[in-house]
Every structure is written in C-alpha cells, then in structure tokens.
Protein backbone atom coordinates (compact mmCIF):
# COMPACT_ATOMS: atom_id res chain seq x y z
CA MET A 1 0.03 -0.15 0.08
CA SER A 2 1.31 3.58 -1.05
CA GLU A 3 2.50 6.16 1.30
CA TYR A 4 -0.52 8.19 -0.20
CA ALA A 5 -3.43 5.80 0.52
CA ASP A 6 -2.04 5.79 4.61
CA ASP A 7 -2.14 9.01 4.59
CA CYS A 8 -5.96 8.73 3.18
CA ILE A 9 -6.90 6.09 5.46
CA HIS A 10 -5.47 7.94 8.69
CA ALA A 11 -7.22 11.34 7.14
CA VAL A 12 -10.72 9.50 7.24
CA THR A 13 -10.46 7.43 10.62
CA PRO A 14 -11.24 9.35 13.77
CA GLN A 15 -8.81 9.55 16.47
CA PRO A 16 -9.55 8.10 19.78
CA LYS A 17 -10.74 10.90 22.22
CA SER A 18 -8.91 11.16 25.40
CA LEU A 19 -10.29 10.16 28.50
CA LEU A 20 -10.14 14.42 29.62
CA GLN A 21 -12.20 14.92 26.42
CA GLN A 22 -14.72 12.02 27.21
CA TRP A 23 -15.19 13.67 30.47
CA ARG A 24 -15.73 16.96 29.50
CA GLU A 25 -18.34 15.88 26.89
CA ASP A 26 -20.14 14.09 29.36
CA ILE A 27 -20.62 16.95 31.39
CA ALA A 28 -21.66 19.42 28.69
CA SER A 29 -24.15 17.09 27.52
CA VAL A 30 -25.93 17.40 30.90
CA PHE A 31 -26.93 20.88 30.16
CA GLN A 32 -28.85 19.84 27.02
CA ARG A 33 -30.51 17.38 28.66
CA ASP A 34 -31.16 18.65 32.50
CA PRO A 35 -33.13 22.20 32.63
CA ALA A 36 -31.82 21.78 36.51
CA ALA A 37 -28.18 21.69 35.52
CA ARG A 38 -26.77 25.32 36.43
CA THR A 39 -22.51 25.18 36.73
CA GLY A 40 -20.32 22.88 35.33
CA PHE A 41 -19.15 22.73 39.18
CA GLU A 42 -22.36 21.73 40.29
CA VAL A 43 -22.82 18.95 37.95
CA LEU A 44 -19.33 17.66 38.56
CA THR A 45 -19.78 17.45 42.50
CA THR A 46 -23.67 16.83 42.75
CA TYR A 47 -24.46 14.48 39.86
CA PRO A 48 -24.31 11.11 40.71
CA GLY A 49 -24.78 9.69 37.20
CA VAL A 50 -21.93 11.62 36.20
CA HIS A 51 -19.68 10.27 38.92
CA ALA A 52 -20.65 6.98 37.32
CA VAL A 53 -19.95 7.65 33.85
CA MET A 54 -16.45 8.92 34.46
CA LEU A 55 -15.38 6.32 36.59
CA HIS A 56 -16.50 3.77 34.06
CA ARG A 57 -14.34 5.61 31.53
CA ILE A 58 -11.56 4.52 33.63
CA SER A 59 -12.34 1.31 34.46
CA HIS A 60 -13.45 0.17 30.83
CA ARG A 61 -9.50 1.42 30.06
CA LEU A 62 -8.47 -1.12 32.46
CA TRP A 63 -10.87 -3.79 31.36
CA ARG A 64 -9.63 -3.74 27.58
CA ARG A 65 -6.02 -3.73 29.10
CA GLY A 66 -6.50 -7.28 31.09
CA LEU A 67 -6.67 -5.64 34.47
CA ARG A 68 -9.95 -7.21 35.40
CA TYR A 69 -10.01 -7.11 38.91
CA PRO A 70 -8.69 -3.15 39.16
CA ALA A 71 -11.41 -2.72 36.77
CA ARG A 72 -14.27 -4.64 38.82
CA PHE A 73 -12.83 -2.90 42.28
CA LEU A 74 -13.07 0.49 40.59
CA SER A 75 -16.68 -0.44 39.22
CA PHE A 76 -17.47 -1.42 42.93
CA LEU A 77 -16.46 1.85 44.11
CA GLY A 78 -18.60 3.55 41.35
CA ARG A 79 -21.73 1.56 42.61
CA MET A 80 -21.01 2.43 46.17
CA LEU A 81 -20.58 6.41 45.52
CA SER A 82 -23.39 6.56 42.69
CA ASN A 83 -25.83 3.78 43.09
CA VAL A 84 -25.16 2.92 39.50
CA ASP A 85 -23.76 -0.27 38.44
CA ILE A 86 -21.99 -0.48 35.45
CA HIS A 87 -19.90 -3.36 34.10
CA PRO A 88 -16.57 -2.45 33.28
CA GLY A 89 -16.61 -4.87 30.05
CA ALA A 90 -19.84 -2.51 29.00
CA GLN A 91 -19.50 -0.60 25.99
CA ILE A 92 -20.60 3.19 25.91
CA GLY A 93 -20.20 5.65 23.45
CA GLU A 94 -20.01 9.42 23.84
CA ARG A 95 -21.93 12.11 25.77
CA PHE A 96 -23.75 9.38 27.77
CA PHE A 97 -26.55 10.85 30.53
CA ILE A 98 -27.73 8.99 33.37
CA ASP A 99 -30.29 11.23 34.58
CA HIS A 100 -30.69 11.13 38.86
CA GLY A 101 -28.47 7.92 38.76
CA ALA A 102 -30.17 5.85 41.09
CA GLY A 103 -30.80 1.83 40.64
CA VAL A 104 -29.36 1.77 37.00
CA VAL A 105 -27.70 -1.45 35.98
CA VAL A 106 -25.78 -1.96 32.89
CA GLY A 107 -24.48 -5.41 31.85
CA GLU A 108 -21.16 -6.69 30.78
CA THR A 109 -21.77 -6.97 26.96
CA SER A 110 -24.01 -3.96 26.86
CA VAL A 111 -23.36 -1.53 23.69
CA ILE A 112 -24.41 1.90 24.07
CA GLY A 113 -24.31 4.37 21.48
CA ASP A 114 -23.81 8.40 21.36
CA ASP A 115 -25.95 10.51 23.03
CA VAL A 116 -28.13 7.94 25.05
CA THR A 117 -30.14 9.04 27.87
CA LEU A 118 -31.13 6.69 30.79
CA TYR A 119 -33.48 7.47 33.81
CA HIS A 120 -33.35 5.89 37.27
CA GLY A 121 -34.35 2.41 37.45
CA VAL A 122 -33.12 1.25 34.09
CA THR A 123 -31.72 -2.33 33.60
CA LEU A 124 -29.71 -3.18 30.66
CA GLY A 125 -29.82 -7.07 31.75
CA GLY A 126 -28.93 -10.66 30.12
CA THR A 127 -31.23 -13.57 29.54
CA SER A 128 -28.53 -16.00 29.28
CA TRP A 129 -26.42 -18.21 31.61
CA ASN A 130 -23.83 -18.60 28.50
CA LYS A 131 -20.95 -16.37 27.95
CA GLY A 132 -21.00 -14.25 25.03
CA LYS A 133 -23.33 -11.42 23.80
CA ARG A 134 -26.04 -11.36 26.34
CA HIS A 135 -27.31 -7.93 26.91
CA PRO A 136 -28.79 -5.37 24.56
CA THR A 137 -27.39 -2.78 22.09
CA LEU A 138 -28.92 0.76 22.22
CA GLY A 139 -28.55 3.13 18.93
CA ASN A 140 -27.31 6.34 18.73
CA GLY A 141 -29.84 9.01 20.65
CA VAL A 142 -31.87 6.17 22.43
CA MET A 143 -34.13 7.67 25.53
CA VAL A 144 -35.15 4.77 28.22
CA GLY A 145 -37.51 6.10 30.65
CA ALA A 146 -37.64 5.52 34.53
CA GLY A 147 -37.94 1.87 35.71
CA ALA A 148 -37.67 0.19 32.19
CA LYS A 149 -35.96 -3.31 31.60
CA ILE A 150 -34.01 -4.15 28.48
CA LEU A 151 -33.29 -7.76 28.31
CA GLY A 152 -31.37 -9.86 26.18
CA ASN A 153 -29.16 -9.91 23.05
CA ILE A 154 -31.33 -7.32 21.20
CA THR A 155 -31.15 -4.58 19.42
CA VAL A 156 -32.92 -0.89 20.06
CA GLY A 157 -32.65 1.27 16.95
CA GLU A 158 -31.11 4.89 16.75
CA HIS A 159 -33.44 7.52 18.41
CA CYS A 160 -36.09 5.29 19.87
CA ARG A 161 -37.95 5.91 22.95
CA VAL A 162 -39.05 3.19 25.61
CA GLY A 163 -41.63 4.38 28.08
CA ALA A 164 -41.12 4.31 31.92
CA ASN A 165 -41.54 0.69 33.33
CA SER A 166 -41.64 -1.06 29.97
CA VAL A 167 -40.26 -4.47 29.61
CA VAL A 168 -38.11 -4.61 25.90
CA VAL A 169 -37.46 -8.28 24.76
CA GLU A 170 -37.47 -7.68 20.98
CA ASP A 171 -35.51 -5.65 18.72
CA VAL A 172 -36.80 -2.37 18.25
CA PRO A 173 -36.59 -0.49 14.38
CA THR A 174 -34.81 2.99 14.24
CA GLY A 175 -37.19 6.01 15.32
CA CYS A 176 -40.30 3.88 17.18
CA THR A 177 -41.61 4.14 20.56
CA VAL A 178 -42.07 1.23 22.94
CA VAL A 179 -44.26 0.90 25.77
CA GLY A 180 -46.32 -1.71 27.71
CA ILE A 181 -45.12 -5.00 29.43
CA PRO A 182 -43.89 -7.09 27.24
CA GLY A 183 -42.78 -3.75 25.15
CA LYS A 184 -44.87 -2.89 21.81
CA VAL A 185 -44.12 -0.63 19.29
CA VAL A 186 -46.81 2.15 18.99
CA LYS A 187 -47.06 4.99 16.78
CA LEU A 188 -45.52 7.98 17.25
CA ARG A 189 -47.16 11.13 18.47
CA GLU A 190 -46.46 14.32 17.18
CA ALA A 191 -43.77 15.95 19.64
CA GLY A 192 -44.29 19.43 21.10
CA GLN A 193 -41.16 21.77 20.74
CA LEU A 194 -38.06 20.35 19.93
CA ASN A 195 -34.66 20.62 21.89
CA PRO A 196 -32.39 23.13 20.63
CA TYR A 197 -29.80 20.92 20.92
CA GLY A 198 -31.45 17.67 18.65
CA ILE A 199 -32.41 15.71 22.27
CA ASP A 200 -35.68 14.56 22.22
CA LEU A 201 -36.76 14.56 26.11
CA ASP A 202 -40.55 14.94 25.33
CA HIS A 203 -40.78 10.77 26.65
CA HIS A 204 -44.24 11.77 28.39
CA LEU A 205 -45.92 12.18 24.89
CA ILE A 206 -46.24 8.21 23.96
CA PRO A 207 -49.60 6.73 23.12
CA ASP A 208 -51.52 4.94 25.61
CA PRO A 209 -52.28 1.51 23.32
CA VAL A 210 -54.66 0.12 26.10
CA GLY A 211 -56.83 3.01 26.28
CA LYS A 212 -56.86 3.07 22.62
CA ALA A 213 -58.11 -0.62 22.51
CA ILE A 214 -60.83 0.30 25.18
CA ALA A 215 -61.97 3.20 23.52
CA CYS A 216 -62.32 1.05 19.84
CA LEU A 217 -64.24 -1.75 21.39
CA LEU A 218 -66.63 1.08 23.34
CA SER A 219 -67.24 2.25 19.84
CA ARG A 220 -67.79 -0.51 18.59
CA ILE A 221 -70.21 -1.57 21.09
CA ASP A 222 -71.89 1.61 20.53
CA ASN A 223 -72.27 0.82 17.24
CA LEU A 224 -73.39 -2.54 17.41
CA GLU A 225 -76.48 -1.51 19.87
CA SER A 226 -77.19 1.18 17.15
CA GLN A 227 -77.61 -1.53 14.84
CA LEU A 228 -79.39 -3.91 17.18
CA GLN A 229 -81.74 -1.12 17.99
CA VAL A 230 -82.59 -0.40 14.37
CA GLY A 231 -82.70 -4.28 13.56
CA LEU A 232 -85.39 -4.64 16.36
CA ALA A 233 -87.55 -1.64 15.57
CA ALA A 234 -88.06 -2.58 11.94
CA GLN A 235 -88.74 -6.09 13.57
CA ASN A 236 -91.30 -4.80 15.86
CA TYR A 237 -92.54 -2.78 12.93
CA SER A 238 -93.09 -5.85 10.63
CA GLN A 239 -94.47 -7.59 13.35
CA CYS A 240 -97.19 -4.60 14.05
CA GLU A 241 -98.09 -4.72 10.34
CA THR A 242 -98.79 -8.45 10.49
CA ASP A 243 -100.66 -8.16 13.64
CA ASN A 244 -102.86 -5.07 12.16
CA GLN A 245 -103.81 -6.92 9.01
CA ILE A 246 -105.10 -9.73 11.41
CA CYS A 247 -106.89 -7.23 13.25
CA GLU A 248 -108.44 -5.96 10.17
CA GLN A 249 -109.75 -9.21 9.22
CA ASP A 250 -111.31 -9.90 12.56
CA CYS A 251 -112.40 -6.68 13.64
CA PRO A 252 -112.19 -3.83 11.02
CA GLY A 253 -110.73 -0.50 12.14
CA GLY A 254 -108.65 -2.14 14.82
CA GLN A 255 -105.06 -1.21 15.11
CA VAL A 256 -102.20 -2.86 17.35
CA GLU A 257 -100.52 0.36 18.88
CA ARG A 258 -98.56 -1.54 21.63
CA SER A 259 -95.51 -2.59 19.33
CA LEU A 260 -94.98 0.32 18.18
CA ARG A 261 -95.03 1.98 21.54
CA SER A 262 -92.41 -0.42 22.43
CA ALA A 263 -90.52 0.32 19.41
CA THR A 264 -90.37 3.99 19.97
C-alpha cells in the first residue's frame, strides 16, 4: 500500500478521544438534557450519574488492558458512590447521560451508542447463562424512561424511546416508541417543541395502546347497539303490520299500537 493511501486512511479514521475529552463532553451533555443544571462545578460535584460514567471511562480502559480485578474494584467503588452499577466490560459511546442515577444496571456485554439518555431504575440485563453477547445494544440517541427493563441480546434502533416501566425483549426498529409489558412498538405522537440541541426529551408524549383499544371496543359496542336497536325497531314494525292485518280481518278499524310504542 502506498504512502498516499496510508495518509488517506489516517485522515478518514477518527482518532480516539482522550479521557479528559470524554469527561468534558459528558459534563457538557448534561446541560442539553437537564434544565436543572446550572454550572459545570455543580454537575461535576453533585450528579451521581456523571460520577458513574466518569469512573466507568477509567474502569473500561483497565478492563480492555486485561486488568480485570482493578477494573471490577473501581466499578464497585463507583456503585458505592453513585448507586449505578455499570460493568467495566460494557461499551459506552460519547455523551452518555444517566439522569438522577439511582438503581441503574448496565450489564457486561451491553453496547451503548452516542447521545444516549437513561433515567433512574433502568436495567440493561442479560437473559442467558452462556458467555458471549447476552445484553442489549442501544443505538445513537436512544432515550430509556424510568424503571424500564431491556433484556437479552436485542437491538434498540437509533432515536428510539422506551416508555417508563416498559419491559423490552425484542428488537426495536429505528425511530420507534416502545411501551408496555412486554414492550410493543406503538405509533409515534407528534412531539412538542424540539430541544435546540436535537435531544428529544418529550418521553411523556407516548401513546396509550390499552386506552386506545378500550376506546375502540366502546365505539364498536355503541355501533352494534345502534344496529341492534334499528333491527329490533324494524322487526317490531313488521310484526305490528302483520298484527294489524289480522285485526282488520277480525275487527275492521282495530289497530295494534303496543308494538309501535315499545319500538319508539
């Protein structure tokens, strides 16, 4: 391969970011996704989710260098400090943010893309005793609501939203919203004003598939009742005409009105 080709490859391939650069971007991302954030010093000293991510950046480097016990011990210290359990083997992209940082669990073979947001109580768990890839993969820009569980070697596509307390056990296509137990892909609602930084935090604007199903059933019942009433009225009218013909034969001038009254 020529020197020119080597220069092209080096020009195209992005250089890995330093630890300090990643930390700075992690802190800066908080201001894009948390309106309560005021200063960088406040975020650095009071946000447990940021502490967990910063320590994971170090423990993951140790893990990749084969220093498994120091990596696990640092991860344990991070869990004690932040109440966030991230395995040092998990691969996490840039600008990862854990809001509130309480009770979050990220498994060993999890893969998380860039600009991902997790809320408290989220679990990225495994469903197999076998070694290998057994935890989920989250694409870029994914938002996972509080208490949601994403289990197994599945993929959540880019820019998806997972509703709070949902349990996702199947792959999710790009750009979808998932709600329920087990998680179901539902139609996206039109979000409100977009975040100027391009991060969609309107995770409360999600459809209610159960409520929609109940509304459809009620509408169908009303329709069937209306058809039944029309059918009964027509049947009663027909029976009334027959009775009137019989009455005219037996008693000229006699009319049966009871059926008509009941029909109306």
